[in-house]
């Protein structure tokens, strides 16, 4: 996932619809080539002079036209220091849009465990991951808080525009600023400034609402980053705001995050979040694991999990994924026969749903690994031989369901993952029968991308 972000995000390039769910992407329309040269300095001074002139005009006559010009001047001033660069741009593209700009200095730095090349252009720093621009850091803004001032100017213009003649222009301006705030939040997050990034993501969402296109995923990003930074009260506030707008994150992740925040201070509240999330997203693994852990740690009846599953199955009797979830619950609780039965029922209901086969295959594979570990620690020869026999039986049991999963899945990532299991399992028996050696060669080639 997703900041949208996944368990974590690291140097997520802002592409349209990508990254943590923020808008981002493409040239930011900045005001000209950056860098320390005289031409660049003059360009920055021109932007500052334009702001001064626009402020004077708006102060003299605060009408819609002057306020819109003032907002535009602030935005241009915000864009100016970094030139026409954008996150995700390659060096060849930047060499075209940035003209003859050259860095004052270059050094290798490590940020959040990633080696980057930092280039100092005086007004801004570029951080490259290989040949791709990962972070833009403005160090000398033309006007402090330019975007906030632009939003204020546009809001005043909107209030005066009683007939709505400029609504489309103002909506476009608000949404453009929202994008810029999101981009800047990505930059701050990637620089390790999580608290500041969270605030900008929230501002991005608020401004998008002014433009009539509320970006609820930006609230999620604000909560995710705050959670990562350890600011749990703020994270809770942002995730609650997500729920208020019916934004639940991928697989109901908002519920899982809220439960994680509440579990130490208010376990009953954590349970409420998990059960509410499970009702909407019964196949969410994060919510499911959270429920299992809650019931076990609080000595509650794990039978309630099956009550929840049965309620979901009553609503959707042909939903194969619910049986897959039931199998996972039984695995966690150590109910082998029930787990296998649930996985097979899942496959019976929908033979083309690969996860019933995957669930059974993973169960047998993991059991084989456990038996192998026990055998390696056993000193008694007879007991060792018995464990090896059980190990080989379990390992062979995983092959058929994994092969079926490999056959039916249309997901290339699942296919490669299953091939990895099959490669390892068949390797054990390669000298027993030529079919195992053939299978090993087949799946090994797939794993290696051949």
Protein backbone atom coordinates (compact mmCIF):
# COMPACT_ATOMS: atom_id res chain seq x y z
CA UNK A 1 0.00 0.00 0.00
CA UNK A 2 -0.18 2.68 -0.16
CA UNK A 3 1.48 6.43 2.04
CA UNK A 4 -1.72 4.92 0.40
CA UNK A 5 1.74 4.58 1.62
CA UNK A 6 2.05 1.04 2.42
CA UNK A 7 3.55 -0.27 5.13
CA UNK A 8 6.07 2.41 4.34
CA UNK A 9 6.94 4.74 1.53
CA UNK A 10 10.40 5.71 0.46
CA UNK A 11 11.23 8.21 -2.24
CA UNK A 12 7.89 7.82 -3.98
CA UNK A 13 8.04 9.73 -7.24
CA UNK A 14 4.96 11.86 -7.79
CA UNK A 15 3.33 10.43 -10.85
CA UNK A 16 -0.29 10.98 -11.90
CA UNK A 17 -2.48 8.88 -9.62
CA UNK A 18 0.53 7.15 -8.08
CA UNK A 19 2.63 7.26 -4.98
CA UNK A 20 0.62 7.75 -1.82
CA UNK A 21 -2.52 8.70 -3.62
CA UNK A 22 -1.64 12.37 -4.05
CA UNK A 23 -2.11 14.05 -7.43
CA UNK A 24 1.43 15.17 -8.31
CA UNK A 25 3.30 14.45 -11.50
CA UNK A 26 4.58 16.30 -14.51
CA UNK A 27 6.34 19.65 -14.79
CA UNK A 28 5.24 21.99 -12.04
CA UNK A 29 5.16 25.04 -14.24
CA UNK A 30 7.96 26.71 -12.32
CA UNK A 31 9.16 30.12 -13.29
CA UNK A 32 12.38 29.56 -15.20
CA UNK A 33 15.83 28.02 -14.97
CA UNK A 34 17.26 27.77 -11.48
CA UNK A 35 20.85 27.93 -10.38
CA UNK A 36 23.21 30.56 -9.10
CA UNK A 37 23.78 32.50 -12.30
CA UNK A 38 23.00 36.18 -12.76
CA UNK A 39 20.07 35.46 -15.06
CA UNK A 40 18.48 33.24 -12.45
CA UNK A 41 18.97 35.88 -9.76
CA UNK A 42 17.31 38.48 -11.94
CA UNK A 43 14.40 36.13 -12.59
CA UNK A 44 13.89 35.63 -8.86
CA UNK A 45 14.01 39.36 -8.23
CA UNK A 46 11.43 39.83 -10.98
CA UNK A 47 9.09 37.37 -9.24
CA UNK A 48 9.54 39.19 -5.95
CA UNK A 49 8.88 42.54 -7.63
CA UNK A 50 5.73 41.11 -9.23
CA UNK A 51 4.46 40.05 -5.79
CA UNK A 52 5.18 43.51 -4.37
CA UNK A 53 3.28 45.14 -7.24
CA UNK A 54 0.36 42.75 -6.93
CA UNK A 55 0.16 43.32 -3.17
CA UNK A 56 0.09 47.06 -3.71
CA UNK A 57 -2.66 46.78 -6.33
CA UNK A 58 -4.78 44.53 -4.11
CA UNK A 59 -4.28 46.82 -1.13
CA UNK A 60 -5.39 49.80 -3.20
CA UNK A 61 -8.38 48.01 -4.72
CA UNK A 62 -9.25 44.54 -3.41
CA UNK A 63 -11.46 43.41 -6.28
CA UNK A 64 -11.69 39.91 -7.80
CA UNK A 65 -9.26 40.61 -10.65
CA UNK A 66 -6.54 42.07 -8.42
CA UNK A 67 -6.86 39.30 -5.85
CA UNK A 68 -6.57 36.63 -8.54
CA UNK A 69 -3.46 38.37 -9.90
CA UNK A 70 -2.07 38.47 -6.36
CA UNK A 71 -2.68 34.75 -5.89
CA UNK A 72 -1.00 34.01 -9.21
CA UNK A 73 1.99 36.14 -8.25
CA UNK A 74 2.42 34.23 -5.01
CA UNK A 75 2.26 30.91 -6.85
CA UNK A 76 4.82 32.06 -9.41
CA UNK A 77 7.09 33.15 -6.57
CA UNK A 78 6.71 29.76 -4.91
CA UNK A 79 7.63 27.97 -8.14
CA UNK A 80 10.58 30.17 -9.06
CA UNK A 81 13.54 28.89 -6.98
CA UNK A 82 13.66 25.37 -8.41
CA UNK A 83 13.04 26.31 -12.02
CA UNK A 84 11.14 23.95 -14.30
CA UNK A 85 12.15 20.76 -12.49
CA UNK A 86 9.73 18.13 -11.27
CA UNK A 87 9.99 15.08 -9.07
CA UNK A 88 10.66 11.95 -11.09
CA UNK A 89 12.36 13.81 -13.94
CA UNK A 90 15.44 12.22 -15.45
CA UNK A 91 18.70 14.07 -15.97
CA UNK A 92 18.26 14.31 -19.77
CA UNK A 93 14.86 15.97 -19.29
CA UNK A 94 16.24 18.34 -16.67
CA UNK A 95 19.15 19.34 -18.87
CA UNK A 96 16.59 20.59 -21.41
CA UNK A 97 14.26 22.48 -19.06
CA UNK A 98 16.94 23.85 -16.74
CA UNK A 99 19.11 25.40 -19.44
CA UNK A 100 22.73 25.90 -18.44
CA UNK A 101 22.18 25.74 -14.68
CA UNK A 102 25.05 24.05 -12.87
CA UNK A 103 25.22 23.06 -9.20
CA UNK A 104 27.50 24.96 -6.83
CA UNK A 105 28.45 21.67 -5.18
CA UNK A 106 27.69 17.95 -5.35
CA UNK A 107 27.91 15.38 -2.58
CA UNK A 108 26.71 11.88 -1.70
CA UNK A 109 24.25 11.79 1.19
CA UNK A 110 22.19 9.13 2.93
CA UNK A 111 18.57 9.90 3.70
CA UNK A 112 16.35 7.31 5.38
CA UNK A 113 18.82 4.60 4.46
CA UNK A 114 18.98 5.51 0.76
CA UNK A 115 22.12 6.82 -0.95
CA UNK A 116 21.36 9.97 -2.95
CA UNK A 117 23.32 12.56 -4.89
CA UNK A 118 22.70 16.05 -3.53
CA UNK A 119 23.23 19.01 -5.85
CA UNK A 120 23.24 22.52 -4.34
CA UNK A 121 21.97 25.26 -6.65
CA UNK A 122 21.93 28.04 -4.08
CA UNK A 123 18.19 28.62 -3.95
CA UNK A 124 17.40 24.92 -3.83
CA UNK A 125 18.85 21.44 -3.55
CA UNK A 126 18.15 18.55 -5.87
CA UNK A 127 18.47 14.97 -4.60
CA UNK A 128 18.95 12.31 -7.25
CA UNK A 129 18.28 8.60 -6.86
CA UNK A 130 20.52 7.39 -9.67
CA UNK A 131 19.63 9.60 -12.62
CA UNK A 132 16.12 10.43 -11.42
CA UNK A 133 15.15 13.46 -9.34
CA UNK A 134 13.78 12.19 -6.04
CA UNK A 135 13.53 15.31 -3.86
CA UNK A 136 13.36 19.06 -4.44
CA UNK A 137 14.32 21.13 -1.40
CA UNK A 138 13.88 24.89 -1.68
CA UNK A 139 16.30 26.62 0.68
CA UNK A 140 15.69 30.26 -0.31
CA UNK A 141 12.02 30.93 -1.09
CA UNK A 142 11.23 34.16 -2.89
CA UNK A 143 8.30 34.80 -0.54
CA UNK A 144 7.83 32.93 2.77
CA UNK A 145 4.59 30.91 2.98
CA UNK A 146 3.77 31.82 -0.60
CA UNK A 147 1.18 29.07 -1.12
CA UNK A 148 -0.70 29.91 2.07
CA UNK A 149 -0.79 33.54 0.99
CA UNK A 150 -1.99 32.52 -2.46
CA UNK A 151 -4.82 30.47 -0.95
CA UNK A 152 -5.83 33.44 1.19
CA UNK A 153 -5.91 35.74 -1.85
CA UNK A 154 -7.96 33.28 -3.90
CA UNK A 155 -10.40 32.74 -1.01
CA UNK A 156 -10.98 36.48 -0.79
CA UNK A 157 -11.52 36.58 -4.53
CA UNK A 158 -14.04 33.74 -4.32
CA UNK A 159 -15.93 35.53 -1.56
CA UNK A 160 -16.24 38.62 -3.76
CA UNK A 161 -17.16 36.62 -6.88
CA UNK A 162 -20.86 36.48 -5.96
CA UNK A 163 -21.96 35.68 -9.50
CA UNK A 164 -19.45 32.87 -9.88
CA UNK A 165 -18.01 34.22 -13.10
CA UNK A 166 -14.49 33.24 -12.03
CA UNK A 167 -15.38 29.98 -10.29
CA UNK A 168 -13.73 27.73 -12.88
CA UNK A 169 -10.53 29.73 -12.77
CA UNK A 170 -10.52 29.76 -8.97
CA UNK A 171 -11.26 26.03 -8.75
CA UNK A 172 -8.36 25.36 -11.10
CA UNK A 173 -6.10 27.57 -8.99
CA UNK A 174 -7.06 25.85 -5.72
CA UNK A 175 -6.52 22.39 -7.19
CA UNK A 176 -3.15 23.41 -8.61
CA UNK A 177 -2.07 24.63 -5.17
CA UNK A 178 -3.33 21.40 -3.63
CA UNK A 179 -1.06 19.48 -6.01
CA UNK A 180 1.90 21.65 -5.08
CA UNK A 181 1.27 21.17 -1.37
CA UNK A 182 1.11 17.42 -1.92
CA UNK A 183 4.39 17.47 -3.86
CA UNK A 184 6.01 19.50 -1.11
CA UNK A 185 4.69 17.07 1.51
CA UNK A 186 6.32 14.20 -0.38
CA UNK A 187 9.59 16.12 -0.38
CA UNK A 188 9.45 16.74 3.36
CA UNK A 189 8.51 13.15 4.11
CA UNK A 190 11.38 11.84 2.03
CA UNK A 191 13.71 14.26 3.85
CA UNK A 192 12.62 12.70 7.14
CA UNK A 193 10.46 15.65 8.20
CA UNK A 194 7.33 13.67 8.95
CA UNK A 195 5.56 16.17 11.22
CA UNK A 196 5.86 18.97 8.65
CA UNK A 197 4.84 16.63 5.84
CA UNK A 198 1.70 15.57 7.69
CA UNK A 199 0.58 19.18 8.07
CA UNK A 200 1.11 19.86 4.36
CA UNK A 201 -0.85 16.78 3.35
CA UNK A 202 -3.73 18.02 5.50
CA UNK A 203 -3.47 21.46 3.91
CA UNK A 204 -3.46 19.82 0.49
CA UNK A 205 -6.75 18.08 1.30
CA UNK A 206 -8.32 21.25 2.71
CA UNK A 207 -7.34 23.28 -0.36
CA UNK A 208 -8.59 20.58 -2.73
CA UNK A 209 -11.99 20.94 -1.07
CA UNK A 210 -11.96 24.66 -1.92
CA UNK A 211 -11.51 23.62 -5.54
CA UNK A 212 -14.51 21.29 -5.38
CA UNK A 213 -12.45 18.08 -5.61
CA UNK A 214 -11.79 16.90 -2.06
CA UNK A 215 -8.75 14.61 -2.05
CA UNK A 216 -9.55 12.39 0.94
CA UNK A 217 -6.44 10.30 0.30
CA UNK A 218 -4.40 13.35 1.35
CA UNK A 219 -5.96 13.08 4.82
CA UNK A 220 -4.91 9.43 4.84
CA UNK A 221 -1.39 10.46 3.88
CA UNK A 222 -1.41 13.04 6.68
CA UNK A 223 -2.44 10.34 9.15
CA UNK A 224 0.01 7.79 7.81
CA UNK A 225 2.97 10.16 8.05
CA UNK A 226 1.96 11.31 11.54
CA UNK A 227 1.66 7.68 12.58
CA UNK A 228 5.13 6.94 11.18
CA UNK A 229 6.50 9.96 13.06
CA UNK A 230 4.97 8.73 16.32
CA UNK A 231 2.41 11.55 16.58
CA UNK A 232 -0.48 9.23 17.41
CA UNK A 233 -3.06 11.87 18.48
CA UNK A 234 -2.66 13.65 15.16
CA UNK A 235 -2.70 10.37 13.25
CA UNK A 236 -5.95 9.43 14.97
CA UNK A 237 -7.45 12.81 14.11
CA UNK A 238 -6.58 12.42 10.43
CA UNK A 239 -7.77 8.81 10.19
CA UNK A 240 -11.04 9.73 11.91
CA UNK A 241 -11.43 12.48 9.33
CA UNK A 242 -10.98 9.83 6.63
CA UNK A 243 -13.84 7.81 8.09
CA UNK A 244 -16.03 10.91 8.25
CA UNK A 245 -15.64 11.19 4.47
CA UNK A 246 -16.15 7.44 3.91
CA UNK A 247 -12.54 6.97 2.87
CA UNK A 248 -11.25 3.69 4.27
CA UNK A 249 -7.92 3.17 2.54
CA UNK A 250 -6.92 0.06 0.65
CA UNK A 251 -8.57 -2.96 2.26
CA UNK A 252 -9.93 -0.85 5.13
CA UNK A 253 -6.44 0.08 6.31
CA UNK A 254 -7.82 3.18 8.09
CA UNK A 255 -9.62 0.90 10.56
CA UNK A 256 -6.47 -1.12 11.15
CA UNK A 257 -4.43 2.02 11.80
CA UNK A 258 -7.00 3.43 14.23
CA UNK A 259 -7.11 0.12 16.08
CA UNK A 260 -3.33 0.09 16.30
CA UNK A 261 -3.39 3.57 17.84
CA UNK A 262 -6.13 2.67 20.33
CA UNK A 263 -4.95 -0.80 21.37
CA UNK A 264 -2.79 0.33 24.33
CA UNK A 265 -4.90 3.17 25.69
CA UNK A 266 -8.38 1.89 24.89
CA UNK A 267 -8.54 -1.81 23.89
CA UNK A 268 -12.34 -1.74 23.73
CA UNK A 269 -12.17 1.07 21.18
CA UNK A 270 -9.58 -0.87 19.21
CA UNK A 271 -11.96 -3.80 19.09
CA UNK A 272 -14.75 -1.53 17.81
CA UNK A 273 -12.55 -0.27 14.98
CA UNK A 274 -11.50 -3.79 14.02
CA UNK A 275 -15.01 -5.22 14.05
CA UNK A 276 -16.38 -2.27 12.09
CA UNK A 277 -13.57 -2.67 9.58
CA UNK A 278 -14.06 -6.41 9.36
CA UNK A 279 -17.76 -5.92 8.59
CA UNK A 280 -16.81 -3.80 5.56
CA UNK A 281 -13.59 -5.57 4.58
CA UNK A 282 -13.78 -9.20 5.73
CA UNK A 283 -10.82 -10.24 3.58
CA UNK A 284 -8.46 -7.56 4.92
CA UNK A 285 -5.43 -9.35 6.33
CA UNK A 286 -4.36 -6.44 8.54
CA UNK A 287 -7.79 -6.20 10.13
CA UNK A 288 -8.05 -9.97 10.45
CA UNK A 289 -4.67 -10.31 12.17
CA UNK A 290 -5.58 -7.40 14.43
CA UNK A 291 -8.78 -9.18 15.48
CA UNK A 292 -7.03 -12.47 16.09
CA UNK A 293 -4.38 -10.77 18.20
CA UNK A 294 -7.01 -8.82 20.11
CA UNK A 295 -9.05 -11.90 21.04
CA UNK A 296 -5.98 -13.89 22.02
CA UNK A 297 -4.26 -11.13 24.00
CA UNK A 298 -7.44 -10.18 25.84
CA UNK A 299 -8.47 -13.80 26.52
CA UNK A 300 -11.72 -13.38 24.66
CA UNK A 301 -13.57 -16.13 22.90
CA UNK A 302 -11.99 -16.59 19.47
CA UNK A 303 -15.29 -18.12 18.40
CA UNK A 304 -16.43 -14.55 17.84
CA UNK A 305 -14.15 -14.46 14.83
CA UNK A 306 -16.10 -17.29 13.28
CA UNK A 307 -19.35 -15.54 14.16
CA UNK A 308 -18.14 -12.55 12.17
CA UNK A 309 -17.07 -14.76 9.27
CA UNK A 310 -20.40 -16.59 9.29
CA UNK A 311 -22.26 -13.27 9.22
CA UNK A 312 -20.20 -12.23 6.21
CA UNK A 313 -20.82 -15.59 4.50
CA UNK A 314 -24.54 -15.26 5.10
CA UNK A 315 -24.47 -11.94 3.25
CA UNK A 316 -22.23 -13.26 0.46
CA UNK A 317 -22.51 -17.06 0.32
CA UNK A 318 -20.60 -17.25 -2.97
CA UNK A 319 -17.70 -15.06 -1.86
CA UNK A 320 -14.78 -17.48 -2.04
CA UNK A 321 -12.41 -15.07 -0.33
CA UNK A 322 -14.37 -15.43 2.93
CA UNK A 323 -13.42 -19.11 3.08
CA UNK A 324 -9.83 -18.15 2.40
CA UNK A 325 -10.03 -15.82 5.41
CA UNK A 326 -11.62 -18.60 7.47
CA UNK A 327 -8.71 -20.84 6.55
CA UNK A 328 -6.22 -18.17 7.65
CA UNK A 329 -7.98 -17.80 11.00
CA UNK A 330 -7.80 -21.53 11.58
CA UNK A 331 -4.11 -21.58 10.69
CA UNK A 332 -3.47 -18.86 13.26
CA UNK A 333 -5.40 -20.83 15.86
CA UNK A 334 -3.70 -24.13 15.02
CA UNK A 335 -6.79 -25.84 13.59
CA UNK A 336 -5.17 -27.81 10.75
CA UNK A 337 -8.12 -29.84 9.49
CA UNK A 338 -10.50 -26.87 9.59
CA UNK A 339 -7.96 -24.70 7.76
CA UNK A 340 -7.50 -27.19 4.93
CA UNK A 341 -11.26 -27.71 4.67
CA UNK A 342 -11.84 -23.95 4.41
CA UNK A 343 -9.18 -23.50 1.73
CA UNK A 344 -10.65 -26.36 -0.30
CA UNK A 345 -14.16 -24.97 0.10
CA UNK A 346 -12.81 -21.66 -1.18
CA UNK A 347 -11.49 -23.42 -4.30
CA UNK A 348 -14.74 -25.34 -4.76
CA UNK A 349 -16.80 -22.16 -4.75
CA UNK A 350 -14.53 -20.42 -7.24
CA UNK A 351 -12.01 -22.70 -8.97
CA UNK A 352 -10.47 -19.67 -10.67
CA UNK A 353 -9.74 -17.86 -7.39
CA UNK A 354 -6.10 -18.67 -6.81
CA UNK A 355 -5.91 -17.89 -3.11
CA UNK A 356 -7.72 -21.00 -1.95
CA UNK A 357 -4.93 -23.01 -3.57
CA UNK A 358 -2.30 -20.56 -2.34
CA UNK A 359 -3.60 -20.80 1.22
CA UNK A 360 -3.41 -24.59 1.24
CA UNK A 361 -0.02 -24.62 -0.45
CA UNK A 362 1.47 -22.12 2.01
CA UNK A 363 0.04 -24.10 4.93
CA UNK A 364 1.77 -27.33 3.84
CA UNK A 365 4.98 -25.55 2.90
CA UNK A 366 5.23 -23.82 6.27
CA UNK A 367 4.46 -27.07 8.06
CA UNK A 368 7.28 -28.72 6.12
CA UNK A 369 9.68 -25.98 7.17
CA UNK A 370 8.68 -26.42 10.82
CA UNK A 371 9.20 -30.18 10.60
CA UNK A 372 12.57 -29.69 8.95
CA UNK A 373 13.67 -27.39 11.79
CA UNK A 374 12.59 -29.97 14.36
CA UNK A 375 14.39 -32.75 12.52
CA UNK A 376 17.62 -30.78 12.47
CA UNK A 377 17.48 -30.48 16.23
CA UNK A 378 16.59 -34.14 16.88
CA UNK A 379 19.46 -36.34 18.10
CA UNK A 380 17.54 -39.62 18.21
CA UNK A 381 17.97 -41.40 14.84
CA UNK A 382 14.53 -43.02 14.82
CA UNK A 383 12.74 -39.81 15.73
CA UNK A 384 14.84 -37.92 13.20
CA UNK A 385 13.84 -40.34 10.43
CA UNK A 386 10.17 -40.03 11.39
CA UNK A 387 10.35 -36.24 11.26
CA UNK A 388 12.08 -36.33 7.86
CA UNK A 389 9.31 -38.59 6.57
CA UNK A 390 6.65 -36.18 7.83
CA UNK A 391 8.60 -33.26 6.37
CA UNK A 392 8.75 -34.82 2.91
CA UNK A 393 5.06 -35.72 3.00
CA UNK A 394 4.10 -32.14 3.91
CA UNK A 395 6.37 -30.73 1.23
CA UNK A 396 4.84 -32.97 -1.43
CA UNK A 397 1.37 -31.94 -0.25
CA UNK A 398 2.08 -28.31 -1.12
CA UNK A 399 2.94 -29.04 -4.76
CA UNK A 400 -0.53 -29.82 -6.16
CA UNK A 401 -2.33 -26.74 -4.75
CA UNK A 402 0.55 -24.48 -5.73
CA UNK A 403 0.51 -25.87 -9.28
CA UNK A 404 -3.21 -25.20 -9.49
CA UNK A 405 -2.67 -21.63 -8.23
CA UNK A 406 0.06 -21.15 -10.82
CA UNK A 407 -2.30 -22.42 -13.51
CA UNK A 408 -5.30 -20.19 -12.72
CA UNK A 409 -3.76 -16.91 -11.55
CA UNK A 410 -3.64 -13.98 -13.92
CA UNK A 411 -1.43 -11.95 -11.61
CA UNK A 412 2.21 -12.10 -12.70
CA UNK A 413 3.46 -11.30 -9.21
CA UNK A 414 1.46 -14.16 -7.71
CA UNK A 415 2.69 -16.43 -10.47
CA UNK A 416 6.33 -15.67 -9.69
CA UNK A 417 5.80 -16.06 -5.94
CA UNK A 418 4.12 -19.42 -6.41
CA UNK A 419 6.89 -20.49 -8.78
CA UNK A 420 9.41 -19.76 -6.02
CA UNK A 421 7.60 -22.16 -3.69
CA UNK A 422 7.34 -24.80 -6.40
CA UNK A 423 10.98 -24.44 -7.33
CA UNK A 424 12.05 -25.06 -3.74
CA UNK A 425 9.66 -27.95 -3.17
CA UNK A 426 10.57 -29.82 -6.36
CA UNK A 427 14.28 -29.36 -5.76
CA UNK A 428 14.03 -31.59 -2.68
CA UNK A 429 12.82 -34.52 -4.80
CA UNK A 430 14.84 -33.91 -7.97
CA UNK A 431 16.72 -37.23 -7.61
CA UNK A 432 13.61 -39.23 -6.78
CA UNK A 433 11.81 -38.87 -10.10
CA UNK A 434 12.64 -37.00 -13.35
CA UNK A 435 9.31 -35.17 -13.14
CA UNK A 436 10.51 -33.28 -10.09
CA UNK A 437 13.71 -32.25 -11.83
CA UNK A 438 11.74 -31.07 -14.86
CA UNK A 439 9.42 -29.09 -12.61
CA UNK A 440 12.36 -27.57 -10.77
CA UNK A 441 13.92 -26.41 -14.05
CA UNK A 442 10.60 -24.97 -15.23
CA UNK A 443 9.90 -22.94 -12.13
CA UNK A 444 13.50 -21.91 -11.64
CA UNK A 445 13.47 -20.35 -15.12
CA UNK A 446 10.28 -18.45 -14.26
CA UNK A 447 11.73 -17.12 -11.02
CA UNK A 448 14.83 -15.97 -12.90
CA UNK A 449 12.61 -14.21 -15.44
CA UNK A 450 13.48 -16.38 -18.41
